[in-house]
Amino acid sequence: MKYSILLFCCLCYATTLGQQHTSPYEWNWTRDGIWTGAAFGTSAYGLILIKDKDDITTEDLAALDVNNINFIDRWAAGNNSESANKISDIPFAASFVIPFGLLFNDDINDHSAQFIGMYLQSLSTTSAMYTVTAGLVNRSRPYVYNEDNDIGRRLSKNGQRSFYSGHVAAAATATFFAAKVYIDYNPEITGKGYIWAAAAAIPATIGYFRLEAGQHFLTDIILGYTLGAATGILIPEMHKKRDNSLELTPVGGRDFRGDDYTGLALRFKF
């Protein structure tokens, strides 16, 4: 919550900044404000669902069978590494800061309110999807299958939030958002492949360590990665200004012979 408050304060402050350069995006305070507010509200509801989840019983724990896990994920059952868990938090935290580095670009900085608004909208949308899913779906984390683990940890409701990876989803949203926005502001830049590769590598690295930590299965990582990346790319894309230079409009009237006519007019503005 404190990060949300910080972002909101930054958004409010940024509205006072002057705008000089042209932005490739459009921001509608009514439409986008409702969207972002609804996403935050849904996230709050999802957190309530997570909080109200029950621990599993010893009978449920005893009924867990590795052979019931699909073959793609089965190999990860029993993974348990606290050091990998701590390492995953480092790039996870760094990923949220990366988009703010774009504000050092003069063109983007001139549209700080718009930029931060889209970023906040992207993160809140990812948060809404994740929290509701994590609150409604029970899937034991890989470490729950490790019999050497503390019994209390294995029974805890936190161990039932394997589906899907929120760490990877949020990080992918942040990094792909940064790559998408930077490229949209600099469409002629060379080396776009390296930018996308860097954006892809960070959440992939987080996913690797979350697997090693026993926090998620491979399919949890893949789904989180896909949803997060899609949100980070699609929300800026949805805000892009559309080319209205080509217009197709119906026309009608009466020609010089007195005959009525109807048709379509194609107009190109340049």
Protein backbone atom coordinates (compact mmCIF):
# COMPACT_ATOMS: atom_id res chain seq x y z
CA MET A 1 0.00 0.00 0.00
CA LYS A 2 2.82 2.44 0.78
CA TYR A 3 4.14 2.02 -2.77
CA SER A 4 0.69 2.82 -4.15
CA ILE A 5 0.54 6.00 -2.08
CA LEU A 6 4.00 7.01 -3.31
CA LEU A 7 3.02 6.49 -6.94
CA PHE A 8 -0.20 8.43 -6.43
CA CYS A 9 1.71 11.35 -4.93
CA CYS A 10 4.12 11.30 -7.86
CA LEU A 11 1.18 11.32 -10.25
CA CYS A 12 -0.38 14.32 -8.55
CA TYR A 13 2.92 16.20 -8.55
CA ALA A 14 3.58 15.42 -12.18
CA THR A 15 0.40 17.19 -13.31
CA THR A 16 2.10 20.50 -12.50
CA LEU A 17 4.99 19.88 -14.89
CA GLY A 18 5.07 21.63 -18.24
CA GLN A 19 4.71 19.68 -21.47
CA GLN A 20 6.70 20.64 -24.49
CA HIS A 21 7.36 17.52 -26.56
CA THR A 22 4.74 15.49 -28.39
CA SER A 23 3.61 12.28 -26.73
CA PRO A 24 2.62 9.19 -28.71
CA TYR A 25 -0.07 8.54 -26.09
CA GLU A 26 -3.43 9.89 -25.01
CA TRP A 27 -4.69 9.91 -21.42
CA ASN A 28 -8.34 10.39 -20.45
CA TRP A 29 -8.65 11.25 -16.77
CA THR A 30 -12.27 10.08 -16.53
CA ARG A 31 -11.94 6.79 -18.38
CA ASP A 32 -8.49 5.90 -17.13
CA GLY A 33 -9.24 7.12 -13.63
CA ILE A 34 -12.21 4.76 -13.43
CA TRP A 35 -10.14 1.89 -14.84
CA THR A 36 -7.27 2.43 -12.41
CA GLY A 37 -9.59 2.93 -9.45
CA ALA A 38 -11.48 -0.24 -10.30
CA ALA A 39 -8.20 -2.13 -10.57
CA PHE A 40 -7.14 -0.93 -7.12
CA GLY A 41 -10.55 -1.87 -5.74
CA THR A 42 -10.33 -5.33 -7.26
CA SER A 43 -6.83 -5.72 -5.83
CA ALA A 44 -8.15 -4.86 -2.37
CA TYR A 45 -10.89 -7.45 -2.78
CA GLY A 46 -8.30 -10.00 -3.88
CA LEU A 47 -6.18 -9.28 -0.80
CA ILE A 48 -9.23 -9.94 1.38
CA LEU A 49 -9.73 -13.27 -0.39
CA ILE A 50 -6.09 -14.16 0.25
CA LYS A 51 -6.33 -13.15 3.90
CA ASP A 52 -9.47 -15.25 4.40
CA LYS A 53 -8.00 -18.43 2.92
CA ASP A 54 -7.76 -21.36 5.31
CA ASP A 55 -4.72 -23.44 6.17
CA ILE A 56 -4.84 -26.96 4.83
CA THR A 57 -5.40 -29.85 7.20
CA THR A 58 -2.98 -32.66 7.96
CA GLU A 59 -5.34 -34.94 6.01
CA ASP A 60 -5.07 -32.67 2.97
CA LEU A 61 -1.30 -32.63 3.30
CA ALA A 62 -1.13 -36.41 3.55
CA ALA A 63 -3.28 -36.71 0.41
CA LEU A 64 -0.81 -34.73 -1.71
CA ASP A 65 0.80 -36.98 -4.31
CA VAL A 66 3.62 -35.90 -6.61
CA ASN A 67 2.30 -38.30 -9.23
CA ASN A 68 -0.85 -36.20 -9.51
CA ILE A 69 1.17 -33.23 -10.75
CA ASN A 70 1.39 -32.78 -14.52
CA PHE A 71 4.64 -33.94 -16.10
CA ILE A 72 5.72 -30.38 -16.95
CA ASP A 73 5.73 -29.37 -13.28
CA ARG A 74 6.44 -32.63 -11.47
CA TRP A 75 10.22 -32.20 -11.41
CA ALA A 76 9.93 -29.04 -9.28
CA ALA A 77 7.95 -30.68 -6.47
CA GLY A 78 9.97 -30.57 -3.26
CA ASN A 79 12.18 -27.63 -4.27
CA ASN A 80 13.03 -25.56 -1.24
CA SER A 81 15.76 -22.91 -1.13
CA GLU A 82 15.56 -19.93 1.19
CA SER A 83 18.64 -18.36 -0.38
CA ALA A 84 17.03 -18.52 -3.85
CA ASN A 85 13.90 -16.96 -2.38
CA LYS A 86 15.89 -14.01 -1.02
CA ILE A 87 17.84 -13.58 -4.25
CA SER A 88 14.60 -13.41 -6.26
CA ASP A 89 13.52 -10.37 -4.25
CA ILE A 90 16.50 -8.31 -5.49
CA PRO A 91 15.65 -8.13 -9.23
CA PHE A 92 11.97 -8.10 -8.24
CA ALA A 93 12.41 -4.84 -6.33
CA ALA A 94 14.72 -3.39 -8.99
CA SER A 95 12.18 -4.03 -11.75
CA PHE A 96 9.75 -1.50 -10.26
CA VAL A 97 12.40 1.23 -10.35
CA ILE A 98 13.43 0.69 -13.96
CA PRO A 99 10.48 2.54 -15.58
CA PHE A 100 11.18 5.63 -13.47
CA GLY A 101 14.60 5.81 -15.09
CA LEU A 102 12.81 6.80 -18.30
CA LEU A 103 11.86 10.09 -16.66
CA PHE A 104 15.45 11.23 -17.26
CA ASN A 105 14.48 11.33 -20.94
CA ASP A 106 13.32 14.88 -21.68
CA ASP A 107 10.52 13.82 -24.03
CA ILE A 108 9.03 11.40 -21.50
CA ASN A 109 9.64 13.73 -18.56
CA ASP A 110 7.52 16.40 -20.26
CA HIS A 111 4.59 13.97 -20.00
CA SER A 112 5.31 12.64 -16.51
CA ALA A 113 1.68 12.59 -15.39
CA GLN A 114 0.64 10.57 -18.40
CA PHE A 115 3.62 8.21 -18.05
CA ILE A 116 3.13 7.56 -14.34
CA GLY A 117 -0.61 7.20 -14.86
CA MET A 118 -0.12 4.46 -17.45
CA TYR A 119 2.46 2.75 -15.26
CA LEU A 120 0.16 2.85 -12.26
CA GLN A 121 -2.68 1.53 -14.41
CA SER A 122 -0.50 -1.32 -15.69
CA LEU A 123 0.65 -2.40 -12.23
CA SER A 124 -2.81 -2.13 -10.71
CA THR A 125 -4.29 -4.22 -13.53
CA THR A 126 -1.68 -6.92 -12.99
CA SER A 127 -2.27 -6.75 -9.24
CA ALA A 128 -6.03 -7.13 -9.68
CA MET A 129 -5.68 -10.23 -11.87
CA TYR A 130 -3.13 -11.81 -9.55
CA THR A 131 -4.73 -11.17 -6.15
CA VAL A 132 -8.17 -12.42 -7.17
CA THR A 133 -6.68 -15.54 -8.75
CA ALA A 134 -4.43 -16.23 -5.75
CA GLY A 135 -7.40 -15.72 -3.44
CA LEU A 136 -9.71 -18.10 -5.30
CA VAL A 137 -7.33 -20.85 -6.45
CA ASN A 138 -5.64 -23.32 -4.12
CA ARG A 139 -2.50 -24.93 -5.46
CA SER A 140 0.22 -26.16 -3.15
CA ARG A 141 3.64 -24.64 -3.67
CA PRO A 142 6.48 -27.04 -4.51
CA TYR A 143 8.02 -26.70 -1.04
CA VAL A 144 4.82 -28.10 0.50
CA TYR A 145 5.77 -31.46 -1.03
CA ASN A 146 9.12 -31.43 0.80
CA GLU A 147 8.74 -33.62 3.89
CA ASP A 148 11.87 -32.11 5.44
CA ASN A 149 10.11 -28.76 5.71
CA ASP A 150 8.61 -27.45 8.90
CA ILE A 151 5.09 -28.90 9.26
CA GLY A 152 3.65 -25.52 10.18
CA ARG A 153 4.98 -23.97 7.00
CA ARG A 154 3.64 -26.83 4.91
CA LEU A 155 0.16 -26.44 6.39
CA SER A 156 0.07 -22.64 6.15
CA LYS A 157 -2.36 -21.01 3.72
CA ASN A 158 0.60 -19.17 2.18
CA GLY A 159 1.70 -22.52 0.82
CA GLN A 160 -1.51 -22.71 -1.22
CA ARG A 161 -0.69 -19.74 -3.46
CA SER A 162 1.47 -21.36 -6.11
CA PHE A 163 -0.93 -20.40 -8.93
CA TYR A 164 0.33 -18.15 -10.38
CA SER A 165 3.61 -16.24 -9.84
CA GLY A 166 2.85 -12.68 -8.74
CA HIS A 167 6.56 -11.83 -8.55
CA VAL A 168 7.11 -12.71 -12.19
CA ALA A 169 3.87 -11.10 -13.37
CA ALA A 170 4.58 -7.76 -11.66
CA ALA A 171 8.22 -7.66 -12.78
CA ALA A 172 7.29 -8.50 -16.38
CA THR A 173 4.68 -5.74 -16.35
CA ALA A 174 7.28 -3.20 -15.20
CA THR A 175 10.09 -4.18 -17.56
CA PHE A 176 8.00 -4.69 -20.68
CA PHE A 177 6.17 -1.44 -19.94
CA ALA A 178 9.50 0.39 -19.82
CA ALA A 179 10.68 -1.18 -23.08
CA LYS A 180 7.40 -0.50 -24.87
CA VAL A 181 7.20 3.15 -23.80
CA TYR A 182 10.84 3.88 -24.59
CA ILE A 183 10.54 2.40 -28.07
CA ASP A 184 7.27 4.21 -28.74
CA TYR A 185 8.96 7.51 -27.87
CA ASN A 186 11.97 6.56 -29.99
CA PRO A 187 10.58 4.57 -32.94
CA GLU A 188 13.68 5.07 -35.07
CA ILE A 189 16.14 3.86 -32.44
CA THR A 190 18.47 1.00 -33.35
CA GLY A 191 19.00 -2.04 -31.14
CA LYS A 192 15.35 -2.59 -30.25
CA GLY A 193 16.06 -6.29 -29.94
CA TYR A 194 18.49 -5.64 -27.10
CA ILE A 195 15.91 -3.53 -25.29
CA TRP A 196 13.29 -6.26 -25.52
CA ALA A 197 15.87 -8.87 -24.51
CA ALA A 198 16.75 -6.91 -21.38
CA ALA A 199 13.07 -6.51 -20.55
CA ALA A 200 12.56 -10.26 -20.98
CA ALA A 201 15.65 -11.33 -19.02
CA ILE A 202 14.75 -9.74 -15.69
CA PRO A 203 11.41 -11.51 -15.04
CA ALA A 204 12.88 -14.70 -16.49
CA THR A 205 15.67 -14.52 -13.91
CA ILE A 206 13.16 -13.95 -11.15
CA GLY A 207 11.19 -16.93 -12.39
CA TYR A 208 14.27 -19.15 -12.25
CA PHE A 209 14.95 -18.30 -8.61
CA ARG A 210 11.26 -18.66 -7.68
CA LEU A 211 11.42 -22.17 -9.13
CA GLU A 212 14.57 -22.98 -7.17
CA ALA A 213 12.99 -21.56 -4.03
CA GLY A 214 10.04 -23.92 -4.35
CA GLN A 215 7.57 -21.04 -4.51
CA HIS A 216 6.10 -21.92 -7.91
CA PHE A 217 5.93 -24.56 -10.60
CA LEU A 218 7.02 -23.92 -14.17
CA THR A 219 3.47 -23.38 -15.46
CA ASP A 220 2.90 -20.81 -12.71
CA ILE A 221 5.98 -18.94 -13.91
CA ILE A 222 4.97 -19.12 -17.57
CA LEU A 223 1.45 -17.85 -16.92
CA GLY A 224 2.65 -15.02 -14.68
CA TYR A 225 5.26 -14.05 -17.25
CA THR A 226 2.74 -14.07 -20.11
CA LEU A 227 0.07 -12.06 -18.31
CA GLY A 228 2.56 -9.56 -16.92
CA ALA A 229 4.30 -8.98 -20.25
CA ALA A 230 0.98 -8.66 -22.07
CA THR A 231 -0.24 -6.04 -19.61
CA GLY A 232 3.00 -4.07 -19.80
CA ILE A 233 2.79 -3.94 -23.58
CA LEU A 234 -0.94 -3.70 -24.25
CA ILE A 235 -1.85 -0.90 -21.86
CA PRO A 236 0.58 1.59 -23.45
CA GLU A 237 -0.54 0.34 -26.86
CA MET A 238 -4.18 1.02 -25.97
CA HIS A 239 -3.24 4.61 -25.12
CA LYS A 240 -1.42 5.30 -28.38
CA LYS A 241 -2.71 8.09 -30.56
CA ARG A 242 -4.34 6.75 -33.68
CA ASP A 243 -3.59 8.09 -37.15
CA ASN A 244 -6.64 10.07 -38.23
CA SER A 245 -5.09 11.39 -41.44
CA LEU A 246 -7.09 8.88 -43.49
CA GLU A 247 -10.85 9.38 -43.29
CA LEU A 248 -13.71 7.53 -44.97
CA THR A 249 -17.02 9.43 -44.79
CA PRO A 250 -20.44 9.05 -46.45
CA VAL A 251 -21.42 11.81 -48.91
CA GLY A 252 -24.56 12.71 -50.84
CA GLY A 253 -26.05 15.47 -52.93
CA ARG A 254 -27.22 16.42 -56.40
CA ASP A 255 -24.99 16.61 -59.44
CA PHE A 256 -25.04 19.23 -62.22
CA ARG A 257 -27.66 17.21 -64.13
CA GLY A 258 -30.05 17.28 -61.19
CA ASP A 259 -29.56 13.61 -60.26
CA ASP A 260 -29.27 12.63 -56.60
CA TYR A 261 -26.25 10.57 -55.60
CA THR A 262 -24.75 8.90 -52.51
CA GLY A 263 -21.31 7.45 -51.96
CA LEU A 264 -18.16 7.38 -49.85
CA ALA A 265 -15.43 9.98 -49.80
CA LEU A 266 -11.83 9.12 -48.99
CA ARG A 267 -9.92 12.05 -47.53
CA PHE A 268 -6.22 12.10 -46.81
CA LYS A 269 -4.75 14.94 -44.75
CA PHE A 270 -1.03 15.71 -44.90
